[in-house]
Amino acid sequence: MERLRGNLSSRFSDDFVLTQASLYWFTQTISTSFRPYYEYGAGYTRRVERVDVPTAVALFPADLTQPPRSWAERTYNVTRYTRMPRGGHFAAHEEPELLAHDLTEFFRAYR
């Protein structure tokens, strides 16, 4: 099956996606994935002011956001910023080879 940029059905079968959704639904654990968003929106957690450890940013073209490097650098010490050729929100599942290569290259500088 040809890979389409960010098209979930080009990488996963309907059965797989349904199984993943069912695991959250039937175990009543979907709320844990939303909790950080809720807590931030409700004011329970504060915005991160600055992260000084070296940080890598990998942007996948079909992901939900595409922050420019300058935006990421406002909060993070960005030492690697990669625009990927394909992939979306589920990059680790959609494009594991691309992500693994980028992580390897990022950590190579710290060996």
PDB file of N, CA and C in Angstrom:
ATOM      1  N   MET A   1       0.841  -1.171   0.000  1.00  0.00           N
ATOM      2  CA  MET A   1       0.000   0.000   0.000  1.00  0.00           C
ATOM      3  C   MET A   1       0.898   1.250   0.000  1.00  0.00           C
ATOM      4  N   GLU A   2       0.657   2.148  -0.889  1.00  0.00           N
ATOM      5  CA  GLU A   2       1.464   3.369  -0.985  1.00  0.00           C
ATOM      6  C   GLU A   2       1.241   4.259   0.233  1.00  0.00           C
ATOM      7  N   ARG A   3       2.348   4.824   0.739  1.00  0.00           N
ATOM      8  CA  ARG A   3       2.246   5.718   1.890  1.00  0.00           C
ATOM      9  C   ARG A   3       1.779   7.095   1.452  1.00  0.00           C
ATOM     10  N   LEU A   4       0.787   7.590   2.123  1.00  0.00           N
ATOM     11  CA  LEU A   4       0.318   8.945   1.877  1.00  0.00           C
ATOM     12  C   LEU A   4       0.691   9.789   3.080  1.00  0.00           C
ATOM     13  N   ARG A   5       1.036  11.022   2.852  1.00  0.00           N
ATOM     14  CA  ARG A   5       1.477  11.888   3.937  1.00  0.00           C
ATOM     15  C   ARG A   5       0.382  12.102   4.970  1.00  0.00           C
ATOM     16  N   GLY A   6       0.613  11.563   6.178  1.00  0.00           N
ATOM     17  CA  GLY A   6      -0.290  11.786   7.281  1.00  0.00           C
ATOM     18  C   GLY A   6      -1.619  11.071   7.200  1.00  0.00           C
ATOM     19  N   ASN A   7      -1.798  10.245   6.209  1.00  0.00           N
ATOM     20  CA  ASN A   7      -3.049   9.512   6.068  1.00  0.00           C
ATOM     21  C   ASN A   7      -2.940   8.229   6.883  1.00  0.00           C
ATOM     22  N   LEU A   8      -3.610   8.204   8.026  1.00  0.00           N
ATOM     23  CA  LEU A   8      -3.505   7.088   8.956  1.00  0.00           C
ATOM     24  C   LEU A   8      -3.798   5.750   8.285  1.00  0.00           C
ATOM     25  N   SER A   9      -4.777   5.730   7.397  1.00  0.00           N
ATOM     26  CA  SER A   9      -5.154   4.469   6.756  1.00  0.00           C
ATOM     27  C   SER A   9      -4.092   3.951   5.789  1.00  0.00           C
ATOM     28  N   SER A  10      -3.107   4.790   5.448  1.00  0.00           N
ATOM     29  CA  SER A  10      -2.036   4.308   4.574  1.00  0.00           C
ATOM     30  C   SER A  10      -0.997   3.506   5.356  1.00  0.00           C
ATOM     31  N   ARG A  11      -1.039   3.588   6.688  1.00  0.00           N
ATOM     32  CA  ARG A  11      -0.072   2.867   7.511  1.00  0.00           C
ATOM     33  C   ARG A  11      -0.689   1.805   8.399  1.00  0.00           C
ATOM     34  N   PHE A  12      -1.971   1.973   8.746  1.00  0.00           N
ATOM     35  CA  PHE A  12      -2.604   1.062   9.699  1.00  0.00           C
ATOM     36  C   PHE A  12      -3.943   0.579   9.154  1.00  0.00           C
ATOM     37  N   SER A  13      -4.238  -0.658   9.462  1.00  0.00           N
ATOM     38  CA  SER A  13      -5.540  -1.193   9.062  1.00  0.00           C
ATOM     39  C   SER A  13      -6.621  -0.634   9.984  1.00  0.00           C
ATOM     40  N   ASP A  14      -7.854  -0.681   9.508  1.00  0.00           N
ATOM     41  CA  ASP A  14      -8.977  -0.248  10.342  1.00  0.00           C
ATOM     42  C   ASP A  14      -9.047  -1.077  11.618  1.00  0.00           C
ATOM     43  N   ASP A  15      -8.749  -2.379  11.517  1.00  0.00           N
ATOM     44  CA  ASP A  15      -8.771  -3.255  12.699  1.00  0.00           C
ATOM     45  C   ASP A  15      -7.762  -2.797  13.748  1.00  0.00           C
ATOM     46  N   PHE A  16      -6.575  -2.407  13.315  1.00  0.00           N
ATOM     47  CA  PHE A  16      -5.557  -1.952  14.258  1.00  0.00           C
ATOM     48  C   PHE A  16      -6.007  -0.676  14.967  1.00  0.00           C
ATOM     49  N   VAL A  17      -6.503   0.291  14.213  1.00  0.00           N
ATOM     50  CA  VAL A  17      -6.952   1.561  14.794  1.00  0.00           C
ATOM     51  C   VAL A  17      -8.111   1.312  15.756  1.00  0.00           C
ATOM     52  N   LEU A  18      -9.047   0.459  15.357  1.00  0.00           N
ATOM     53  CA  LEU A  18     -10.176   0.144  16.223  1.00  0.00           C
ATOM     54  C   LEU A  18      -9.714  -0.552  17.506  1.00  0.00           C
ATOM     55  N   THR A  19      -8.738  -1.425  17.387  1.00  0.00           N
ATOM     56  CA  THR A  19      -8.201  -2.110  18.566  1.00  0.00           C
ATOM     57  C   THR A  19      -7.583  -1.101  19.535  1.00  0.00           C
ATOM     58  N   GLN A  20      -6.801  -0.169  19.007  1.00  0.00           N
ATOM     59  CA  GLN A  20      -6.181   0.844  19.870  1.00  0.00           C
ATOM     60  C   GLN A  20      -7.233   1.692  20.576  1.00  0.00           C
ATOM     61  N   ALA A  21      -8.225   2.145  19.833  1.00  0.00           N
ATOM     62  CA  ALA A  21      -9.302   2.950  20.423  1.00  0.00           C
ATOM     63  C   ALA A  21     -10.078   2.134  21.456  1.00  0.00           C
ATOM     64  N   SER A  22     -10.309   0.873  21.157  1.00  0.00           N
ATOM     65  CA  SER A  22     -11.056   0.010  22.077  1.00  0.00           C
ATOM     66  C   SER A  22     -10.304  -0.200  23.387  1.00  0.00           C
ATOM     67  N   LEU A  23      -8.994  -0.319  23.304  1.00  0.00           N
ATOM     68  CA  LEU A  23      -8.212  -0.493  24.533  1.00  0.00           C
ATOM     69  C   LEU A  23      -8.425   0.680  25.482  1.00  0.00           C
ATOM     70  N   TYR A  24      -8.401   1.889  24.955  1.00  0.00           N
ATOM     71  CA  TYR A  24      -8.665   3.062  25.792  1.00  0.00           C
ATOM     72  C   TYR A  24     -10.110   3.074  26.294  1.00  0.00           C
ATOM     73  N   TRP A  25     -11.039   2.776  25.395  1.00  0.00           N
ATOM     74  CA  TRP A  25     -12.461   2.870  25.736  1.00  0.00           C
ATOM     75  C   TRP A  25     -12.846   1.826  26.783  1.00  0.00           C
ATOM     76  N   PHE A  26     -12.536   0.568  26.524  1.00  0.00           N
ATOM     77  CA  PHE A  26     -12.992  -0.507  27.404  1.00  0.00           C
ATOM     78  C   PHE A  26     -12.269  -0.531  28.743  1.00  0.00           C
ATOM     79  N   THR A  27     -11.054  -0.012  28.798  1.00  0.00           N
ATOM     80  CA  THR A  27     -10.330   0.039  30.070  1.00  0.00           C
ATOM     81  C   THR A  27     -10.552   1.369  30.787  1.00  0.00           C
ATOM     82  N   GLN A  28     -11.328   2.240  30.168  1.00  0.00           N
ATOM     83  CA  GLN A  28     -11.669   3.554  30.723  1.00  0.00           C
ATOM     84  C   GLN A  28     -10.404   4.346  31.081  1.00  0.00           C
ATOM     85  N   THR A  29      -9.432   4.351  30.165  1.00  0.00           N
ATOM     86  CA  THR A  29      -8.172   5.052  30.422  1.00  0.00           C
ATOM     87  C   THR A  29      -7.906   6.200  29.457  1.00  0.00           C
ATOM     88  N   ILE A  30      -8.868   6.539  28.617  1.00  0.00           N
ATOM     89  CA  ILE A  30      -8.659   7.628  27.665  1.00  0.00           C
ATOM     90  C   ILE A  30      -8.401   8.945  28.384  1.00  0.00           C
ATOM     91  N   SER A  31      -8.997   9.107  29.564  1.00  0.00           N
ATOM     92  CA  SER A  31      -8.838  10.373  30.285  1.00  0.00           C
ATOM     93  C   SER A  31      -7.380  10.652  30.643  1.00  0.00           C
ATOM     94  N   THR A  32      -6.575   9.616  30.846  1.00  0.00           N
ATOM     95  CA  THR A  32      -5.170   9.858  31.186  1.00  0.00           C
ATOM     96  C   THR A  32      -4.420  10.517  30.042  1.00  0.00           C
ATOM     97  N   SER A  33      -4.841  10.265  28.816  1.00  0.00           N
ATOM     98  CA  SER A  33      -4.161  10.898  27.692  1.00  0.00           C
ATOM     99  C   SER A  33      -4.566  12.365  27.535  1.00  0.00           C
ATOM    100  N   PHE A  34      -5.725  12.720  28.072  1.00  0.00           N
ATOM    101  CA  PHE A  34      -6.188  14.114  27.996  1.00  0.00           C
ATOM    102  C   PHE A  34      -5.811  14.934  29.223  1.00  0.00           C
ATOM    103  N   ARG A  35      -5.411  14.265  30.268  1.00  0.00           N
ATOM    104  CA  ARG A  35      -5.178  14.944  31.548  1.00  0.00           C
ATOM    105  C   ARG A  35      -4.225  16.133  31.461  1.00  0.00           C
ATOM    106  N   PRO A  36      -3.067  16.023  30.818  1.00  0.00           N
ATOM    107  CA  PRO A  36      -2.166  17.184  30.757  1.00  0.00           C
ATOM    108  C   PRO A  36      -2.810  18.411  30.117  1.00  0.00           C
ATOM    109  N   TYR A  37      -3.616  18.203  29.074  1.00  0.00           N
ATOM    110  CA  TYR A  37      -4.279  19.325  28.415  1.00  0.00           C
ATOM    111  C   TYR A  37      -5.309  19.965  29.341  1.00  0.00           C
ATOM    112  N   TYR A  38      -6.053  19.120  30.035  1.00  0.00           N
ATOM    113  CA  TYR A  38      -7.059  19.619  30.964  1.00  0.00           C
ATOM    114  C   TYR A  38      -6.398  20.407  32.094  1.00  0.00           C
ATOM    115  N   GLU A  39      -5.368  19.830  32.693  1.00  0.00           N
ATOM    116  CA  GLU A  39      -4.711  20.485  33.829  1.00  0.00           C
ATOM    117  C   GLU A  39      -4.113  21.830  33.432  1.00  0.00           C
ATOM    118  N   TYR A  40      -3.510  21.896  32.271  1.00  0.00           N
ATOM    119  CA  TYR A  40      -2.946  23.174  31.825  1.00  0.00           C
ATOM    120  C   TYR A  40      -4.060  24.186  31.577  1.00  0.00           C
ATOM    121  N   GLY A  41      -5.110  23.754  30.897  1.00  0.00           N
ATOM    122  CA  GLY A  41      -6.230  24.650  30.595  1.00  0.00           C
ATOM    123  C   GLY A  41      -6.948  25.135  31.834  1.00  0.00           C
ATOM    124  N   ALA A  42      -6.999  24.300  32.862  1.00  0.00           N
ATOM    125  CA  ALA A  42      -7.685  24.664  34.105  1.00  0.00           C
ATOM    126  C   ALA A  42      -6.780  25.450  35.050  1.00  0.00           C
ATOM    127  N   GLY A  43      -5.522  25.630  34.664  1.00  0.00           N
ATOM    128  CA  GLY A  43      -4.601  26.394  35.503  1.00  0.00           C
ATOM    129  C   GLY A  43      -3.949  25.603  36.617  1.00  0.00           C
ATOM    130  N   TYR A  44      -4.031  24.270  36.568  1.00  0.00           N
ATOM    131  CA  TYR A  44      -3.412  23.443  37.609  1.00  0.00           C
ATOM    132  C   TYR A  44      -1.908  23.317  37.426  1.00  0.00           C
ATOM    133  N   THR A  45      -1.453  23.480  36.215  1.00  0.00           N
ATOM    134  CA  THR A  45      -0.017  23.441  35.944  1.00  0.00           C
ATOM    135  C   THR A  45       0.388  24.734  35.256  1.00  0.00           C
ATOM    136  N   ARG A  46       1.651  25.080  35.417  1.00  0.00           N
ATOM    137  CA  ARG A  46       2.161  26.312  34.815  1.00  0.00           C
ATOM    138  C   ARG A  46       2.860  26.004  33.507  1.00  0.00           C
ATOM    139  N   ARG A  47       2.955  27.017  32.707  1.00  0.00           N
ATOM    140  CA  ARG A  47       3.704  26.935  31.454  1.00  0.00           C
ATOM    141  C   ARG A  47       5.184  26.745  31.780  1.00  0.00           C
ATOM    142  N   VAL A  48       5.857  25.931  31.016  1.00  0.00           N
ATOM    143  CA  VAL A  48       7.293  25.742  31.197  1.00  0.00           C
ATOM    144  C   VAL A  48       7.988  27.016  30.719  1.00  0.00           C
ATOM    145  N   GLU A  49       8.774  27.607  31.567  1.00  0.00           N
ATOM    146  CA  GLU A  49       9.446  28.856  31.204  1.00  0.00           C
ATOM    147  C   GLU A  49      10.658  28.613  30.314  1.00  0.00           C
ATOM    148  N   ARG A  50      11.511  27.661  30.694  1.00  0.00           N
ATOM    149  CA  ARG A  50      12.726  27.412  29.924  1.00  0.00           C
ATOM    150  C   ARG A  50      13.241  26.012  30.194  1.00  0.00           C
ATOM    151  N   VAL A  51      13.672  25.323  29.148  1.00  0.00           N
ATOM    152  CA  VAL A  51      14.316  24.021  29.255  1.00  0.00           C
ATOM    153  C   VAL A  51      15.706  24.188  28.648  1.00  0.00           C
ATOM    154  N   ASP A  52      16.731  24.047  29.476  1.00  0.00           N
ATOM    155  CA  ASP A  52      18.087  24.314  29.012  1.00  0.00           C
ATOM    156  C   ASP A  52      18.842  23.095  28.502  1.00  0.00           C
ATOM    157  N   VAL A  53      18.315  21.899  28.721  1.00  0.00           N
ATOM    158  CA  VAL A  53      19.001  20.718  28.197  1.00  0.00           C
ATOM    159  C   VAL A  53      18.887  20.718  26.674  1.00  0.00           C
ATOM    160  N   PRO A  54      19.873  20.179  25.980  1.00  0.00           N
ATOM    161  CA  PRO A  54      19.782  20.113  24.515  1.00  0.00           C
ATOM    162  C   PRO A  54      18.505  19.382  24.088  1.00  0.00           C
ATOM    163  N   THR A  55      17.840  19.951  23.104  1.00  0.00           N
ATOM    164  CA  THR A  55      16.545  19.447  22.677  1.00  0.00           C
ATOM    165  C   THR A  55      16.511  19.266  21.162  1.00  0.00           C
ATOM    166  N   ALA A  56      15.922  18.167  20.725  1.00  0.00           N
ATOM    167  CA  ALA A  56      15.716  17.915  19.300  1.00  0.00           C
ATOM    168  C   ALA A  56      14.235  18.085  18.986  1.00  0.00           C
ATOM    169  N   VAL A  57      13.951  18.679  17.853  1.00  0.00           N
ATOM    170  CA  VAL A  57      12.578  18.853  17.385  1.00  0.00           C
ATOM    171  C   VAL A  57      12.481  18.197  16.011  1.00  0.00           C
ATOM    172  N   ALA A  58      11.524  17.286  15.866  1.00  0.00           N
ATOM    173  CA  ALA A  58      11.272  16.644  14.575  1.00  0.00           C
ATOM    174  C   ALA A  58       9.859  17.017  14.153  1.00  0.00           C
ATOM    175  N   LEU A  59       9.748  17.683  13.019  1.00  0.00           N
ATOM    176  CA  LEU A  59       8.436  18.108  12.509  1.00  0.00           C
ATOM    177  C   LEU A  59       8.005  17.182  11.381  1.00  0.00           C
ATOM    178  N   PHE A  60       6.841  16.589  11.554  1.00  0.00           N
ATOM    179  CA  PHE A  60       6.292  15.719  10.533  1.00  0.00           C
ATOM    180  C   PHE A  60       5.203  16.502   9.807  1.00  0.00           C
ATOM    181  N   PRO A  61       5.202  16.499   8.476  1.00  0.00           N
ATOM    182  CA  PRO A  61       4.346  17.413   7.709  1.00  0.00           C
ATOM    183  C   PRO A  61       2.850  17.291   7.959  1.00  0.00           C
ATOM    184  N   ALA A  62       2.366  16.130   8.366  1.00  0.00           N
ATOM    185  CA  ALA A  62       0.932  15.987   8.588  1.00  0.00           C
ATOM    186  C   ALA A  62       0.575  16.000  10.068  1.00  0.00           C
ATOM    187  N   ASP A  63       1.487  16.500  10.915  1.00  0.00           N
ATOM    188  CA  ASP A  63       1.192  16.609  12.338  1.00  0.00           C
ATOM    189  C   ASP A  63       0.262  17.788  12.580  1.00  0.00           C
ATOM    190  N   LEU A  64      -0.213  17.909  13.796  1.00  0.00           N
ATOM    191  CA  LEU A  64      -1.199  18.941  14.131  1.00  0.00           C
ATOM    192  C   LEU A  64      -0.616  20.345  14.094  1.00  0.00           C
ATOM    193  N   THR A  65       0.649  20.505  14.455  1.00  0.00           N
ATOM    194  CA  THR A  65       1.273  21.827  14.475  1.00  0.00           C
ATOM    195  C   THR A  65       2.607  21.794  13.753  1.00  0.00           C
ATOM    196  N   GLN A  66       3.044  22.953  13.317  1.00  0.00           N
ATOM    197  CA  GLN A  66       4.327  23.107  12.631  1.00  0.00           C
ATOM    198  C   GLN A  66       5.036  24.353  13.171  1.00  0.00           C
ATOM    199  N   PRO A  67       5.460  24.333  14.432  1.00  0.00           N
ATOM    200  CA  PRO A  67       6.076  25.545  14.981  1.00  0.00           C
ATOM    201  C   PRO A  67       7.411  25.855  14.303  1.00  0.00           C
ATOM    202  N   PRO A  68       7.633  27.104  13.960  1.00  0.00           N
ATOM    203  CA  PRO A  68       8.933  27.487  13.408  1.00  0.00           C
ATOM    204  C   PRO A  68      10.024  27.285  14.463  1.00  0.00           C
ATOM    205  N   ARG A  69      11.237  27.112  14.017  1.00  0.00           N
ATOM    206  CA  ARG A  69      12.347  26.902  14.949  1.00  0.00           C
ATOM    207  C   ARG A  69      12.427  28.033  15.965  1.00  0.00           C
ATOM    208  N   SER A  70      12.219  29.265  15.525  1.00  0.00           N
ATOM    209  CA  SER A  70      12.317  30.401  16.444  1.00  0.00           C
ATOM    210  C   SER A  70      11.320  30.279  17.597  1.00  0.00           C
ATOM    211  N   TRP A  71      10.169  29.713  17.361  1.00  0.00           N
ATOM    212  CA  TRP A  71       9.181  29.524  18.436  1.00  0.00           C
ATOM    213  C   TRP A  71       9.676  28.475  19.429  1.00  0.00           C
ATOM    214  N   ALA A  72      10.181  27.365  18.913  1.00  0.00           N
ATOM    215  CA  ALA A  72      10.692  26.309  19.794  1.00  0.00           C
ATOM    216  C   ALA A  72      11.857  26.829  20.630  1.00  0.00           C
ATOM    217  N   GLU A  73      12.686  27.667  20.028  1.00  0.00           N
ATOM    218  CA  GLU A  73      13.860  28.188  20.735  1.00  0.00           C
ATOM    219  C   GLU A  73      13.506  29.175  21.845  1.00  0.00           C
ATOM    220  N   ARG A  74      12.293  29.672  21.862  1.00  0.00           N
ATOM    221  CA  ARG A  74      11.877  30.563  22.950  1.00  0.00           C
ATOM    222  C   ARG A  74      11.851  29.834  24.287  1.00  0.00           C
ATOM    223  N   THR A  75      11.550  28.545  24.251  1.00  0.00           N
ATOM    224  CA  THR A  75      11.430  27.758  25.479  1.00  0.00           C
ATOM    225  C   THR A  75      12.515  26.692  25.603  1.00  0.00           C
ATOM    226  N   TYR A  76      12.963  26.160  24.487  1.00  0.00           N
ATOM    227  CA  TYR A  76      13.890  25.032  24.514  1.00  0.00           C
ATOM    228  C   TYR A  76      15.251  25.394  23.930  1.00  0.00           C
ATOM    229  N   ASN A  77      16.280  24.688  24.391  1.00  0.00           N
ATOM    230  CA  ASN A  77      17.620  24.812  23.843  1.00  0.00           C
ATOM    231  C   ASN A  77      17.704  23.879  22.627  1.00  0.00           C
ATOM    232  N   VAL A  78      17.199  24.328  21.502  1.00  0.00           N
ATOM    233  CA  VAL A  78      17.098  23.489  20.309  1.00  0.00           C
ATOM    234  C   VAL A  78      18.473  23.347  19.651  1.00  0.00           C
ATOM    235  N   THR A  79      18.967  22.109  19.641  1.00  0.00           N
ATOM    236  CA  THR A  79      20.250  21.836  18.988  1.00  0.00           C
ATOM    237  C   THR A  79      20.079  21.020  17.711  1.00  0.00           C
ATOM    238  N   ARG A  80      18.873  20.510  17.504  1.00  0.00           N
ATOM    239  CA  ARG A  80      18.568  19.794  16.254  1.00  0.00           C
ATOM    240  C   ARG A  80      17.104  20.066  15.921  1.00  0.00           C
ATOM    241  N   TYR A  81      16.869  20.468  14.689  1.00  0.00           N
ATOM    242  CA  TYR A  81      15.522  20.804  14.218  1.00  0.00           C
ATOM    243  C   TYR A  81      15.391  20.189  12.836  1.00  0.00           C
ATOM    244  N   THR A  82      14.534  19.181  12.718  1.00  0.00           N
ATOM    245  CA  THR A  82      14.435  18.425  11.475  1.00  0.00           C
ATOM    246  C   THR A  82      13.026  18.481  10.913  1.00  0.00           C
ATOM    247  N   ARG A  83      12.909  18.864   9.651  1.00  0.00           N
ATOM    248  CA  ARG A  83      11.634  18.781   8.935  1.00  0.00           C
ATOM    249  C   ARG A  83      11.640  17.448   8.191  1.00  0.00           C
ATOM    250  N   MET A  84      10.752  16.569   8.604  1.00  0.00           N
ATOM    251  CA  MET A  84      10.690  15.233   8.021  1.00  0.00           C
ATOM    252  C   MET A  84       9.949  15.258   6.684  1.00  0.00           C
ATOM    253  N   PRO A  85      10.279  14.328   5.799  1.00  0.00           N
ATOM    254  CA  PRO A  85       9.643  14.310   4.478  1.00  0.00           C
ATOM    255  C   PRO A  85       8.219  13.754   4.480  1.00  0.00           C
ATOM    256  N   ARG A  86       7.865  13.006   5.515  1.00  0.00           N
ATOM    257  CA  ARG A  86       6.521  12.415   5.566  1.00  0.00           C
ATOM    258  C   ARG A  86       6.211  12.023   7.016  1.00  0.00           C
ATOM    259  N   GLY A  87       4.945  11.762   7.261  1.00  0.00           N
ATOM    260  CA  GLY A  87       4.517  11.342   8.592  1.00  0.00           C
ATOM    261  C   GLY A  87       3.569  12.346   9.205  1.00  0.00           C
ATOM    262  N   GLY A  88       2.967  11.924  10.301  1.00  0.00           N
ATOM    263  CA  GLY A  88       1.983  12.768  10.947  1.00  0.00           C
ATOM    264  C   GLY A  88       2.041  12.664  12.455  1.00  0.00           C
ATOM    265  N   HIS A  89       0.898  12.781  13.094  1.00  0.00           N
ATOM    266  CA  HIS A  89       0.794  12.845  14.545  1.00  0.00           C
ATOM    267  C   HIS A  89       1.305  11.573  15.221  1.00  0.00           C
ATOM    268  N   PHE A  90       1.186  10.444  14.569  1.00  0.00           N
ATOM    269  CA  PHE A  90       1.635   9.175  15.140  1.00  0.00           C
ATOM    270  C   PHE A  90       2.971   8.758  14.521  1.00  0.00           C
ATOM    271  N   ALA A  91       3.895   9.668  14.506  1.00  0.00           N
ATOM    272  CA  ALA A  91       5.165   9.485  13.794  1.00  0.00           C
ATOM    273  C   ALA A  91       5.924   8.226  14.206  1.00  0.00           C
ATOM    274  N   ALA A  92       5.944   7.926  15.491  1.00  0.00           N
ATOM    275  CA  ALA A  92       6.691   6.749  15.947  1.00  0.00           C
ATOM    276  C   ALA A  92       6.139   5.459  15.345  1.00  0.00           C
ATOM    277  N   HIS A  93       4.869   5.453  15.027  1.00  0.00           N
ATOM    278  CA  HIS A  93       4.255   4.286  14.387  1.00  0.00           C
ATOM    279  C   HIS A  93       4.254   4.405  12.875  1.00  0.00           C
ATOM    280  N   GLU A  94       4.080   5.621  12.371  1.00  0.00           N
ATOM    281  CA  GLU A  94       3.994   5.834  10.926  1.00  0.00           C
ATOM    282  C   GLU A  94       5.360   5.751  10.248  1.00  0.00           C
ATOM    283  N   GLU A  95       6.347   6.384  10.862  1.00  0.00           N
ATOM    284  CA  GLU A  95       7.676   6.490  10.250  1.00  0.00           C
ATOM    285  C   GLU A  95       8.768   6.166  11.271  1.00  0.00           C
ATOM    286  N   PRO A  96       8.774   4.946  11.814  1.00  0.00           N
ATOM    287  CA  PRO A  96       9.744   4.624  12.862  1.00  0.00           C
ATOM    288  C   PRO A  96      11.202   4.744  12.411  1.00  0.00           C
ATOM    289  N   GLU A  97      11.477   4.425  11.151  1.00  0.00           N
ATOM    290  CA  GLU A  97      12.859   4.506  10.675  1.00  0.00           C
ATOM    291  C   GLU A  97      13.344   5.952  10.637  1.00  0.00           C
ATOM    292  N   LEU A  98      12.498   6.854  10.147  1.00  0.00           N
ATOM    293  CA  LEU A  98      12.874   8.277  10.102  1.00  0.00           C
ATOM    294  C   LEU A  98      13.124   8.818  11.502  1.00  0.00           C
ATOM    295  N   LEU A  99      12.233   8.493  12.423  1.00  0.00           N
ATOM    296  CA  LEU A  99      12.366   8.997  13.782  1.00  0.00           C
ATOM    297  C   LEU A  99      13.598   8.403  14.460  1.00  0.00           C
ATOM    298  N   ALA A 100      13.824   7.115  14.306  1.00  0.00           N
ATOM    299  CA  ALA A 100      14.992   6.465  14.913  1.00  0.00           C
ATOM    300  C   ALA A 100      16.287   7.066  14.371  1.00  0.00           C
ATOM    301  N   HIS A 101      16.351   7.308  13.077  1.00  0.00           N
ATOM    302  CA  HIS A 101      17.543   7.913  12.485  1.00  0.00           C
ATOM    303  C   HIS A 101      17.790   9.311  13.054  1.00  0.00           C
ATOM    304  N   ASP A 102      16.733  10.098  13.179  1.00  0.00           N
ATOM    305  CA  ASP A 102      16.882  11.449  13.702  1.00  0.00           C
ATOM    306  C   ASP A 102      17.338  11.429  15.156  1.00  0.00           C
ATOM    307  N   LEU A 103      16.779  10.532  15.954  1.00  0.00           N
ATOM    308  CA  LEU A 103      17.211  10.406  17.346  1.00  0.00           C
ATOM    309  C   LEU A 103      18.671   9.976  17.443  1.00  0.00           C
ATOM    310  N   THR A 104      19.062   9.025  16.598  1.00  0.00           N
ATOM    311  CA  THR A 104      20.453   8.563  16.590  1.00  0.00           C
ATOM    312  C   THR A 104      21.401   9.705  16.262  1.00  0.00           C
ATOM    313  N   GLU A 105      21.058  10.500  15.259  1.00  0.00           N
ATOM    314  CA  GLU A 105      21.907  11.632  14.881  1.00  0.00           C
ATOM    315  C   GLU A 105      21.958  12.689  15.984  1.00  0.00           C
ATOM    316  N   PHE A 106      20.845  12.911  16.653  1.00  0.00           N
ATOM    317  CA  PHE A 106      20.830  13.873  17.765  1.00  0.00           C
ATOM    318  C   PHE A 106      21.759  13.422  18.881  1.00  0.00           C
ATOM    319  N   PHE A 107      21.653  12.175  19.297  1.00  0.00           N
ATOM    320  CA  PHE A 107      22.459  11.694  20.414  1.00  0.00           C
ATOM    321  C   PHE A 107      23.919  11.438  20.050  1.00  0.00           C
ATOM    322  N   ARG A 108      24.227  11.315  18.771  1.00  0.00           N
ATOM    323  CA  ARG A 108      25.612  11.094  18.342  1.00  0.00           C
ATOM    324  C   ARG A 108      26.521  12.211  18.861  1.00  0.00           C
ATOM    325  N   ALA A 109      26.023  13.419  18.920  1.00  0.00           N
ATOM    326  CA  ALA A 109      26.823  14.563  19.381  1.00  0.00           C
ATOM    327  C   ALA A 109      27.140  14.493  20.878  1.00  0.00           C
ATOM    328  N   TYR A 110      26.431  13.635  21.611  1.00  0.00           N
ATOM    329  CA  TYR A 110      26.583  13.570  23.062  1.00  0.00           C
ATOM    330  C   TYR A 110      27.211  12.262  23.537  1.00  0.00           C
ATOM    331  N   ARG A 111      27.844  11.526  22.638  1.00  0.00           N
ATOM    332  CA  ARG A 111      28.498  10.260  23.005  1.00  0.00           C
ATOM    333  C   ARG A 111      29.846  10.506  23.604  1.00  0.00           C
TER     334      ARG A 111
END
